[in-house]
Amino acid sequence: MVDKNIEKEDVQEEKPPKKKGKYLLLIIIIAVIAIAGGISTYVILLKPAEDKVAIKEEKKVEGVMFALEPFVVNLTDPAGVRFLRVSLYLELAEPAVAERAKARTPQIRDAIITLLTAKTHGELIHPEGKLQLKDEINIRINQVLGENAVRDVFLTDFVMQ
């Protein structure tokens, strides 16, 4: 009987207590989860506020629309006499550019009329021709008003006869 008791005590002594290692691991896991929760809370709650500020700044940077009187010109067409009537708006970079555009409207109109009268019916009948015309108008007006003054050109009326 004595041997059995000794064997039970030996078996119990062979199992070292690992509770301290388990507690340390548990504390590390809880700390990592708490840090991850704090970071995700920051990203979710505070980042959208920063994005809203960026969106508001983008809205402030929107261009200024500038309308020009309609143009009626003769096209350069060897097949006969053809006319073009076009109305357009310019999207300018900022209000200061709009003031310069008002002051330089005669130069802007002259540049556009010179460009339009050099075009033929065949060049303008296709959508690609209209896109190219818009790009050329943009380039010409930027030459008059300064680099990057015009963001975009919008054709609001386009009739060929």
Protein backbone atom coordinates (compact mmCIF):
# COMPACT_ATOMS: atom_id res chain seq x y z
CA MET A 1 0.00 0.00 0.00
CA VAL A 2 2.77 2.26 0.71
CA ASP A 3 4.03 1.88 -2.82
CA LYS A 4 0.75 3.01 -4.24
CA ASN A 5 0.76 6.20 -2.17
CA ILE A 6 4.31 6.99 -3.18
CA GLU A 7 3.47 6.50 -6.82
CA LYS A 8 0.48 8.86 -6.53
CA GLU A 9 2.65 11.52 -4.91
CA ASP A 10 5.29 11.13 -7.62
CA VAL A 11 2.67 11.50 -10.32
CA GLN A 12 1.31 14.63 -8.67
CA GLU A 13 4.78 16.13 -8.34
CA GLU A 14 5.57 15.54 -12.01
CA LYS A 15 2.87 18.03 -13.12
CA PRO A 16 4.38 21.47 -12.72
CA PRO A 17 1.87 24.30 -12.38
CA LYS A 18 1.48 26.24 -15.68
CA LYS A 19 -1.12 28.70 -14.48
CA LYS A 20 1.29 31.67 -14.54
CA GLY A 21 2.14 31.12 -18.24
CA LYS A 22 -1.53 30.87 -19.16
CA TYR A 23 -2.35 34.10 -17.30
CA LEU A 24 0.48 35.95 -19.02
CA LEU A 25 -0.69 34.74 -22.44
CA LEU A 26 -4.26 35.75 -21.60
CA ILE A 27 -3.14 39.25 -20.54
CA ILE A 28 -1.16 39.71 -23.79
CA ILE A 29 -4.15 38.63 -25.92
CA ILE A 30 -6.47 41.05 -24.06
CA ALA A 31 -3.97 43.89 -24.52
CA VAL A 32 -3.68 43.23 -28.27
CA ILE A 33 -7.48 43.15 -28.62
CA ALA A 34 -7.80 46.42 -26.68
CA ILE A 35 -5.19 48.14 -28.87
CA ALA A 36 -6.84 46.85 -32.05
CA GLY A 37 -10.22 48.06 -30.78
CA GLY A 38 -8.81 51.52 -30.08
CA ILE A 39 -7.26 51.78 -33.53
CA SER A 40 -10.43 50.61 -35.26
CA THR A 41 -12.50 53.08 -33.23
CA TYR A 42 -10.20 55.89 -34.32
CA VAL A 43 -10.41 54.85 -37.96
CA ILE A 44 -14.19 54.44 -37.93
CA LEU A 45 -15.15 57.50 -35.91
CA LEU A 46 -12.49 60.09 -36.66
CA LYS A 47 -11.48 59.37 -40.26
CA PRO A 48 -14.93 60.17 -41.77
CA ALA A 49 -14.72 63.62 -40.19
CA GLU A 50 -11.40 64.20 -41.94
CA ASP A 51 -12.92 62.94 -45.21
CA LYS A 52 -15.82 65.39 -44.84
CA VAL A 53 -13.33 68.24 -44.48
CA ALA A 54 -11.57 67.09 -47.65
CA ILE A 55 -14.90 66.92 -49.50
CA LYS A 56 -15.79 70.44 -48.36
CA GLU A 57 -12.40 71.69 -49.57
CA GLU A 58 -13.00 70.03 -52.94
CA LYS A 59 -16.38 71.73 -53.21
CA LYS A 60 -14.75 75.08 -52.56
CA VAL A 61 -12.40 74.44 -55.47
CA GLU A 62 -15.23 73.98 -57.97
CA GLY A 63 -14.93 76.01 -61.12
CA VAL A 64 -16.86 79.08 -62.14
CA MET A 65 -19.13 78.87 -65.18
CA PHE A 66 -18.69 81.61 -67.77
CA ALA A 67 -21.19 81.91 -70.65
CA LEU A 68 -20.29 83.34 -74.03
CA GLU A 69 -22.74 84.82 -76.52
CA PRO A 70 -23.68 82.36 -79.31
CA PHE A 71 -21.43 82.18 -82.36
CA VAL A 72 -22.75 82.05 -85.94
CA VAL A 73 -20.00 81.47 -88.51
CA ASN A 74 -19.44 80.23 -92.05
CA LEU A 75 -17.59 76.93 -92.23
CA THR A 76 -14.76 76.34 -94.65
CA ASP A 77 -16.50 73.84 -96.87
CA PRO A 78 -15.63 73.38 -100.55
CA ALA A 79 -18.99 71.68 -101.24
CA GLY A 80 -20.98 74.82 -100.60
CA VAL A 81 -21.93 77.39 -98.02
CA ARG A 82 -22.44 75.91 -94.57
CA PHE A 83 -23.19 77.68 -91.31
CA LEU A 84 -22.50 76.77 -87.72
CA ARG A 85 -24.29 78.14 -84.69
CA VAL A 86 -22.72 77.19 -81.38
CA SER A 87 -23.21 78.31 -77.79
CA LEU A 88 -20.76 77.38 -75.13
CA TYR A 89 -19.92 77.70 -71.46
CA LEU A 90 -16.44 77.71 -70.01
CA GLU A 91 -15.63 76.21 -66.65
CA LEU A 92 -12.96 78.51 -65.25
CA ALA A 93 -10.59 77.60 -62.42
CA GLU A 94 -11.53 80.39 -60.02
CA PRO A 95 -13.53 83.63 -59.73
CA ALA A 96 -10.44 85.77 -60.43
CA VAL A 97 -10.15 84.08 -63.83
CA ALA A 98 -13.80 84.92 -64.51
CA GLU A 99 -12.98 88.60 -63.98
CA ARG A 100 -10.08 88.34 -66.45
CA ALA A 101 -12.37 86.56 -68.92
CA LYS A 102 -14.93 89.39 -68.74
CA ALA A 103 -12.21 91.89 -69.44
CA ARG A 104 -10.79 89.84 -72.32
CA THR A 105 -14.04 88.66 -73.93
CA PRO A 106 -13.18 90.22 -77.33
CA GLN A 107 -9.90 88.27 -77.50
CA ILE A 108 -11.67 85.07 -76.44
CA ARG A 109 -14.40 85.49 -79.05
CA ASP A 110 -11.83 86.26 -81.75
CA ALA A 111 -9.83 83.12 -80.92
CA ILE A 112 -12.97 80.98 -81.07
CA ILE A 113 -14.29 82.53 -84.29
CA THR A 114 -10.90 82.05 -85.97
CA LEU A 115 -10.91 78.41 -84.93
CA LEU A 116 -14.53 77.75 -85.97
CA THR A 117 -14.21 79.30 -89.43
CA ALA A 118 -11.24 77.03 -90.18
CA LYS A 119 -13.35 73.90 -89.63
CA THR A 120 -15.32 71.95 -92.23
CA HIS A 121 -18.68 70.21 -91.98
CA GLY A 122 -16.96 66.82 -92.24
CA GLU A 123 -14.69 67.55 -89.27
CA LEU A 124 -17.53 68.59 -86.98
CA ILE A 125 -20.26 66.13 -87.93
CA HIS A 126 -18.81 63.26 -85.85
CA PRO A 127 -18.61 63.17 -82.04
CA GLU A 128 -14.82 62.88 -82.20
CA GLY A 129 -14.72 66.15 -84.13
CA LYS A 130 -16.76 67.89 -81.44
CA LEU A 131 -14.44 66.58 -78.71
CA GLN A 132 -11.43 67.78 -80.66
CA LEU A 133 -13.10 71.18 -81.12
CA LYS A 134 -13.66 71.44 -77.36
CA ASP A 135 -10.00 70.61 -76.71
CA GLU A 136 -8.82 73.18 -79.25
CA ILE A 137 -11.10 75.86 -77.76
CA ASN A 138 -9.70 75.03 -74.32
CA ILE A 139 -6.13 75.42 -75.58
CA ARG A 140 -6.84 78.71 -77.38
CA ILE A 141 -8.59 80.30 -74.41
CA ASN A 142 -5.84 79.18 -72.04
CA GLN A 143 -3.44 81.03 -74.33
CA VAL A 144 -5.50 84.19 -73.82
CA LEU A 145 -6.25 83.84 -70.07
CA GLY A 146 -3.20 81.97 -68.84
CA GLU A 147 -2.22 78.38 -68.25
CA ASN A 148 -4.91 76.14 -66.66
CA ALA A 149 -7.44 78.98 -66.50
CA VAL A 150 -10.07 76.90 -68.34
CA ARG A 151 -10.95 73.53 -66.88
CA ASP A 152 -13.55 72.46 -69.41
CA VAL A 153 -15.61 73.64 -72.37
CA PHE A 154 -19.31 72.76 -72.64
CA LEU A 155 -21.18 72.97 -75.96
CA THR A 156 -24.75 73.92 -75.07
CA ASP A 157 -26.03 74.53 -78.60
CA PHE A 158 -24.56 73.11 -81.79
CA VAL A 159 -26.38 73.47 -85.13
CA MET A 160 -24.88 73.04 -88.61
CA GLN A 161 -26.72 73.88 -91.80
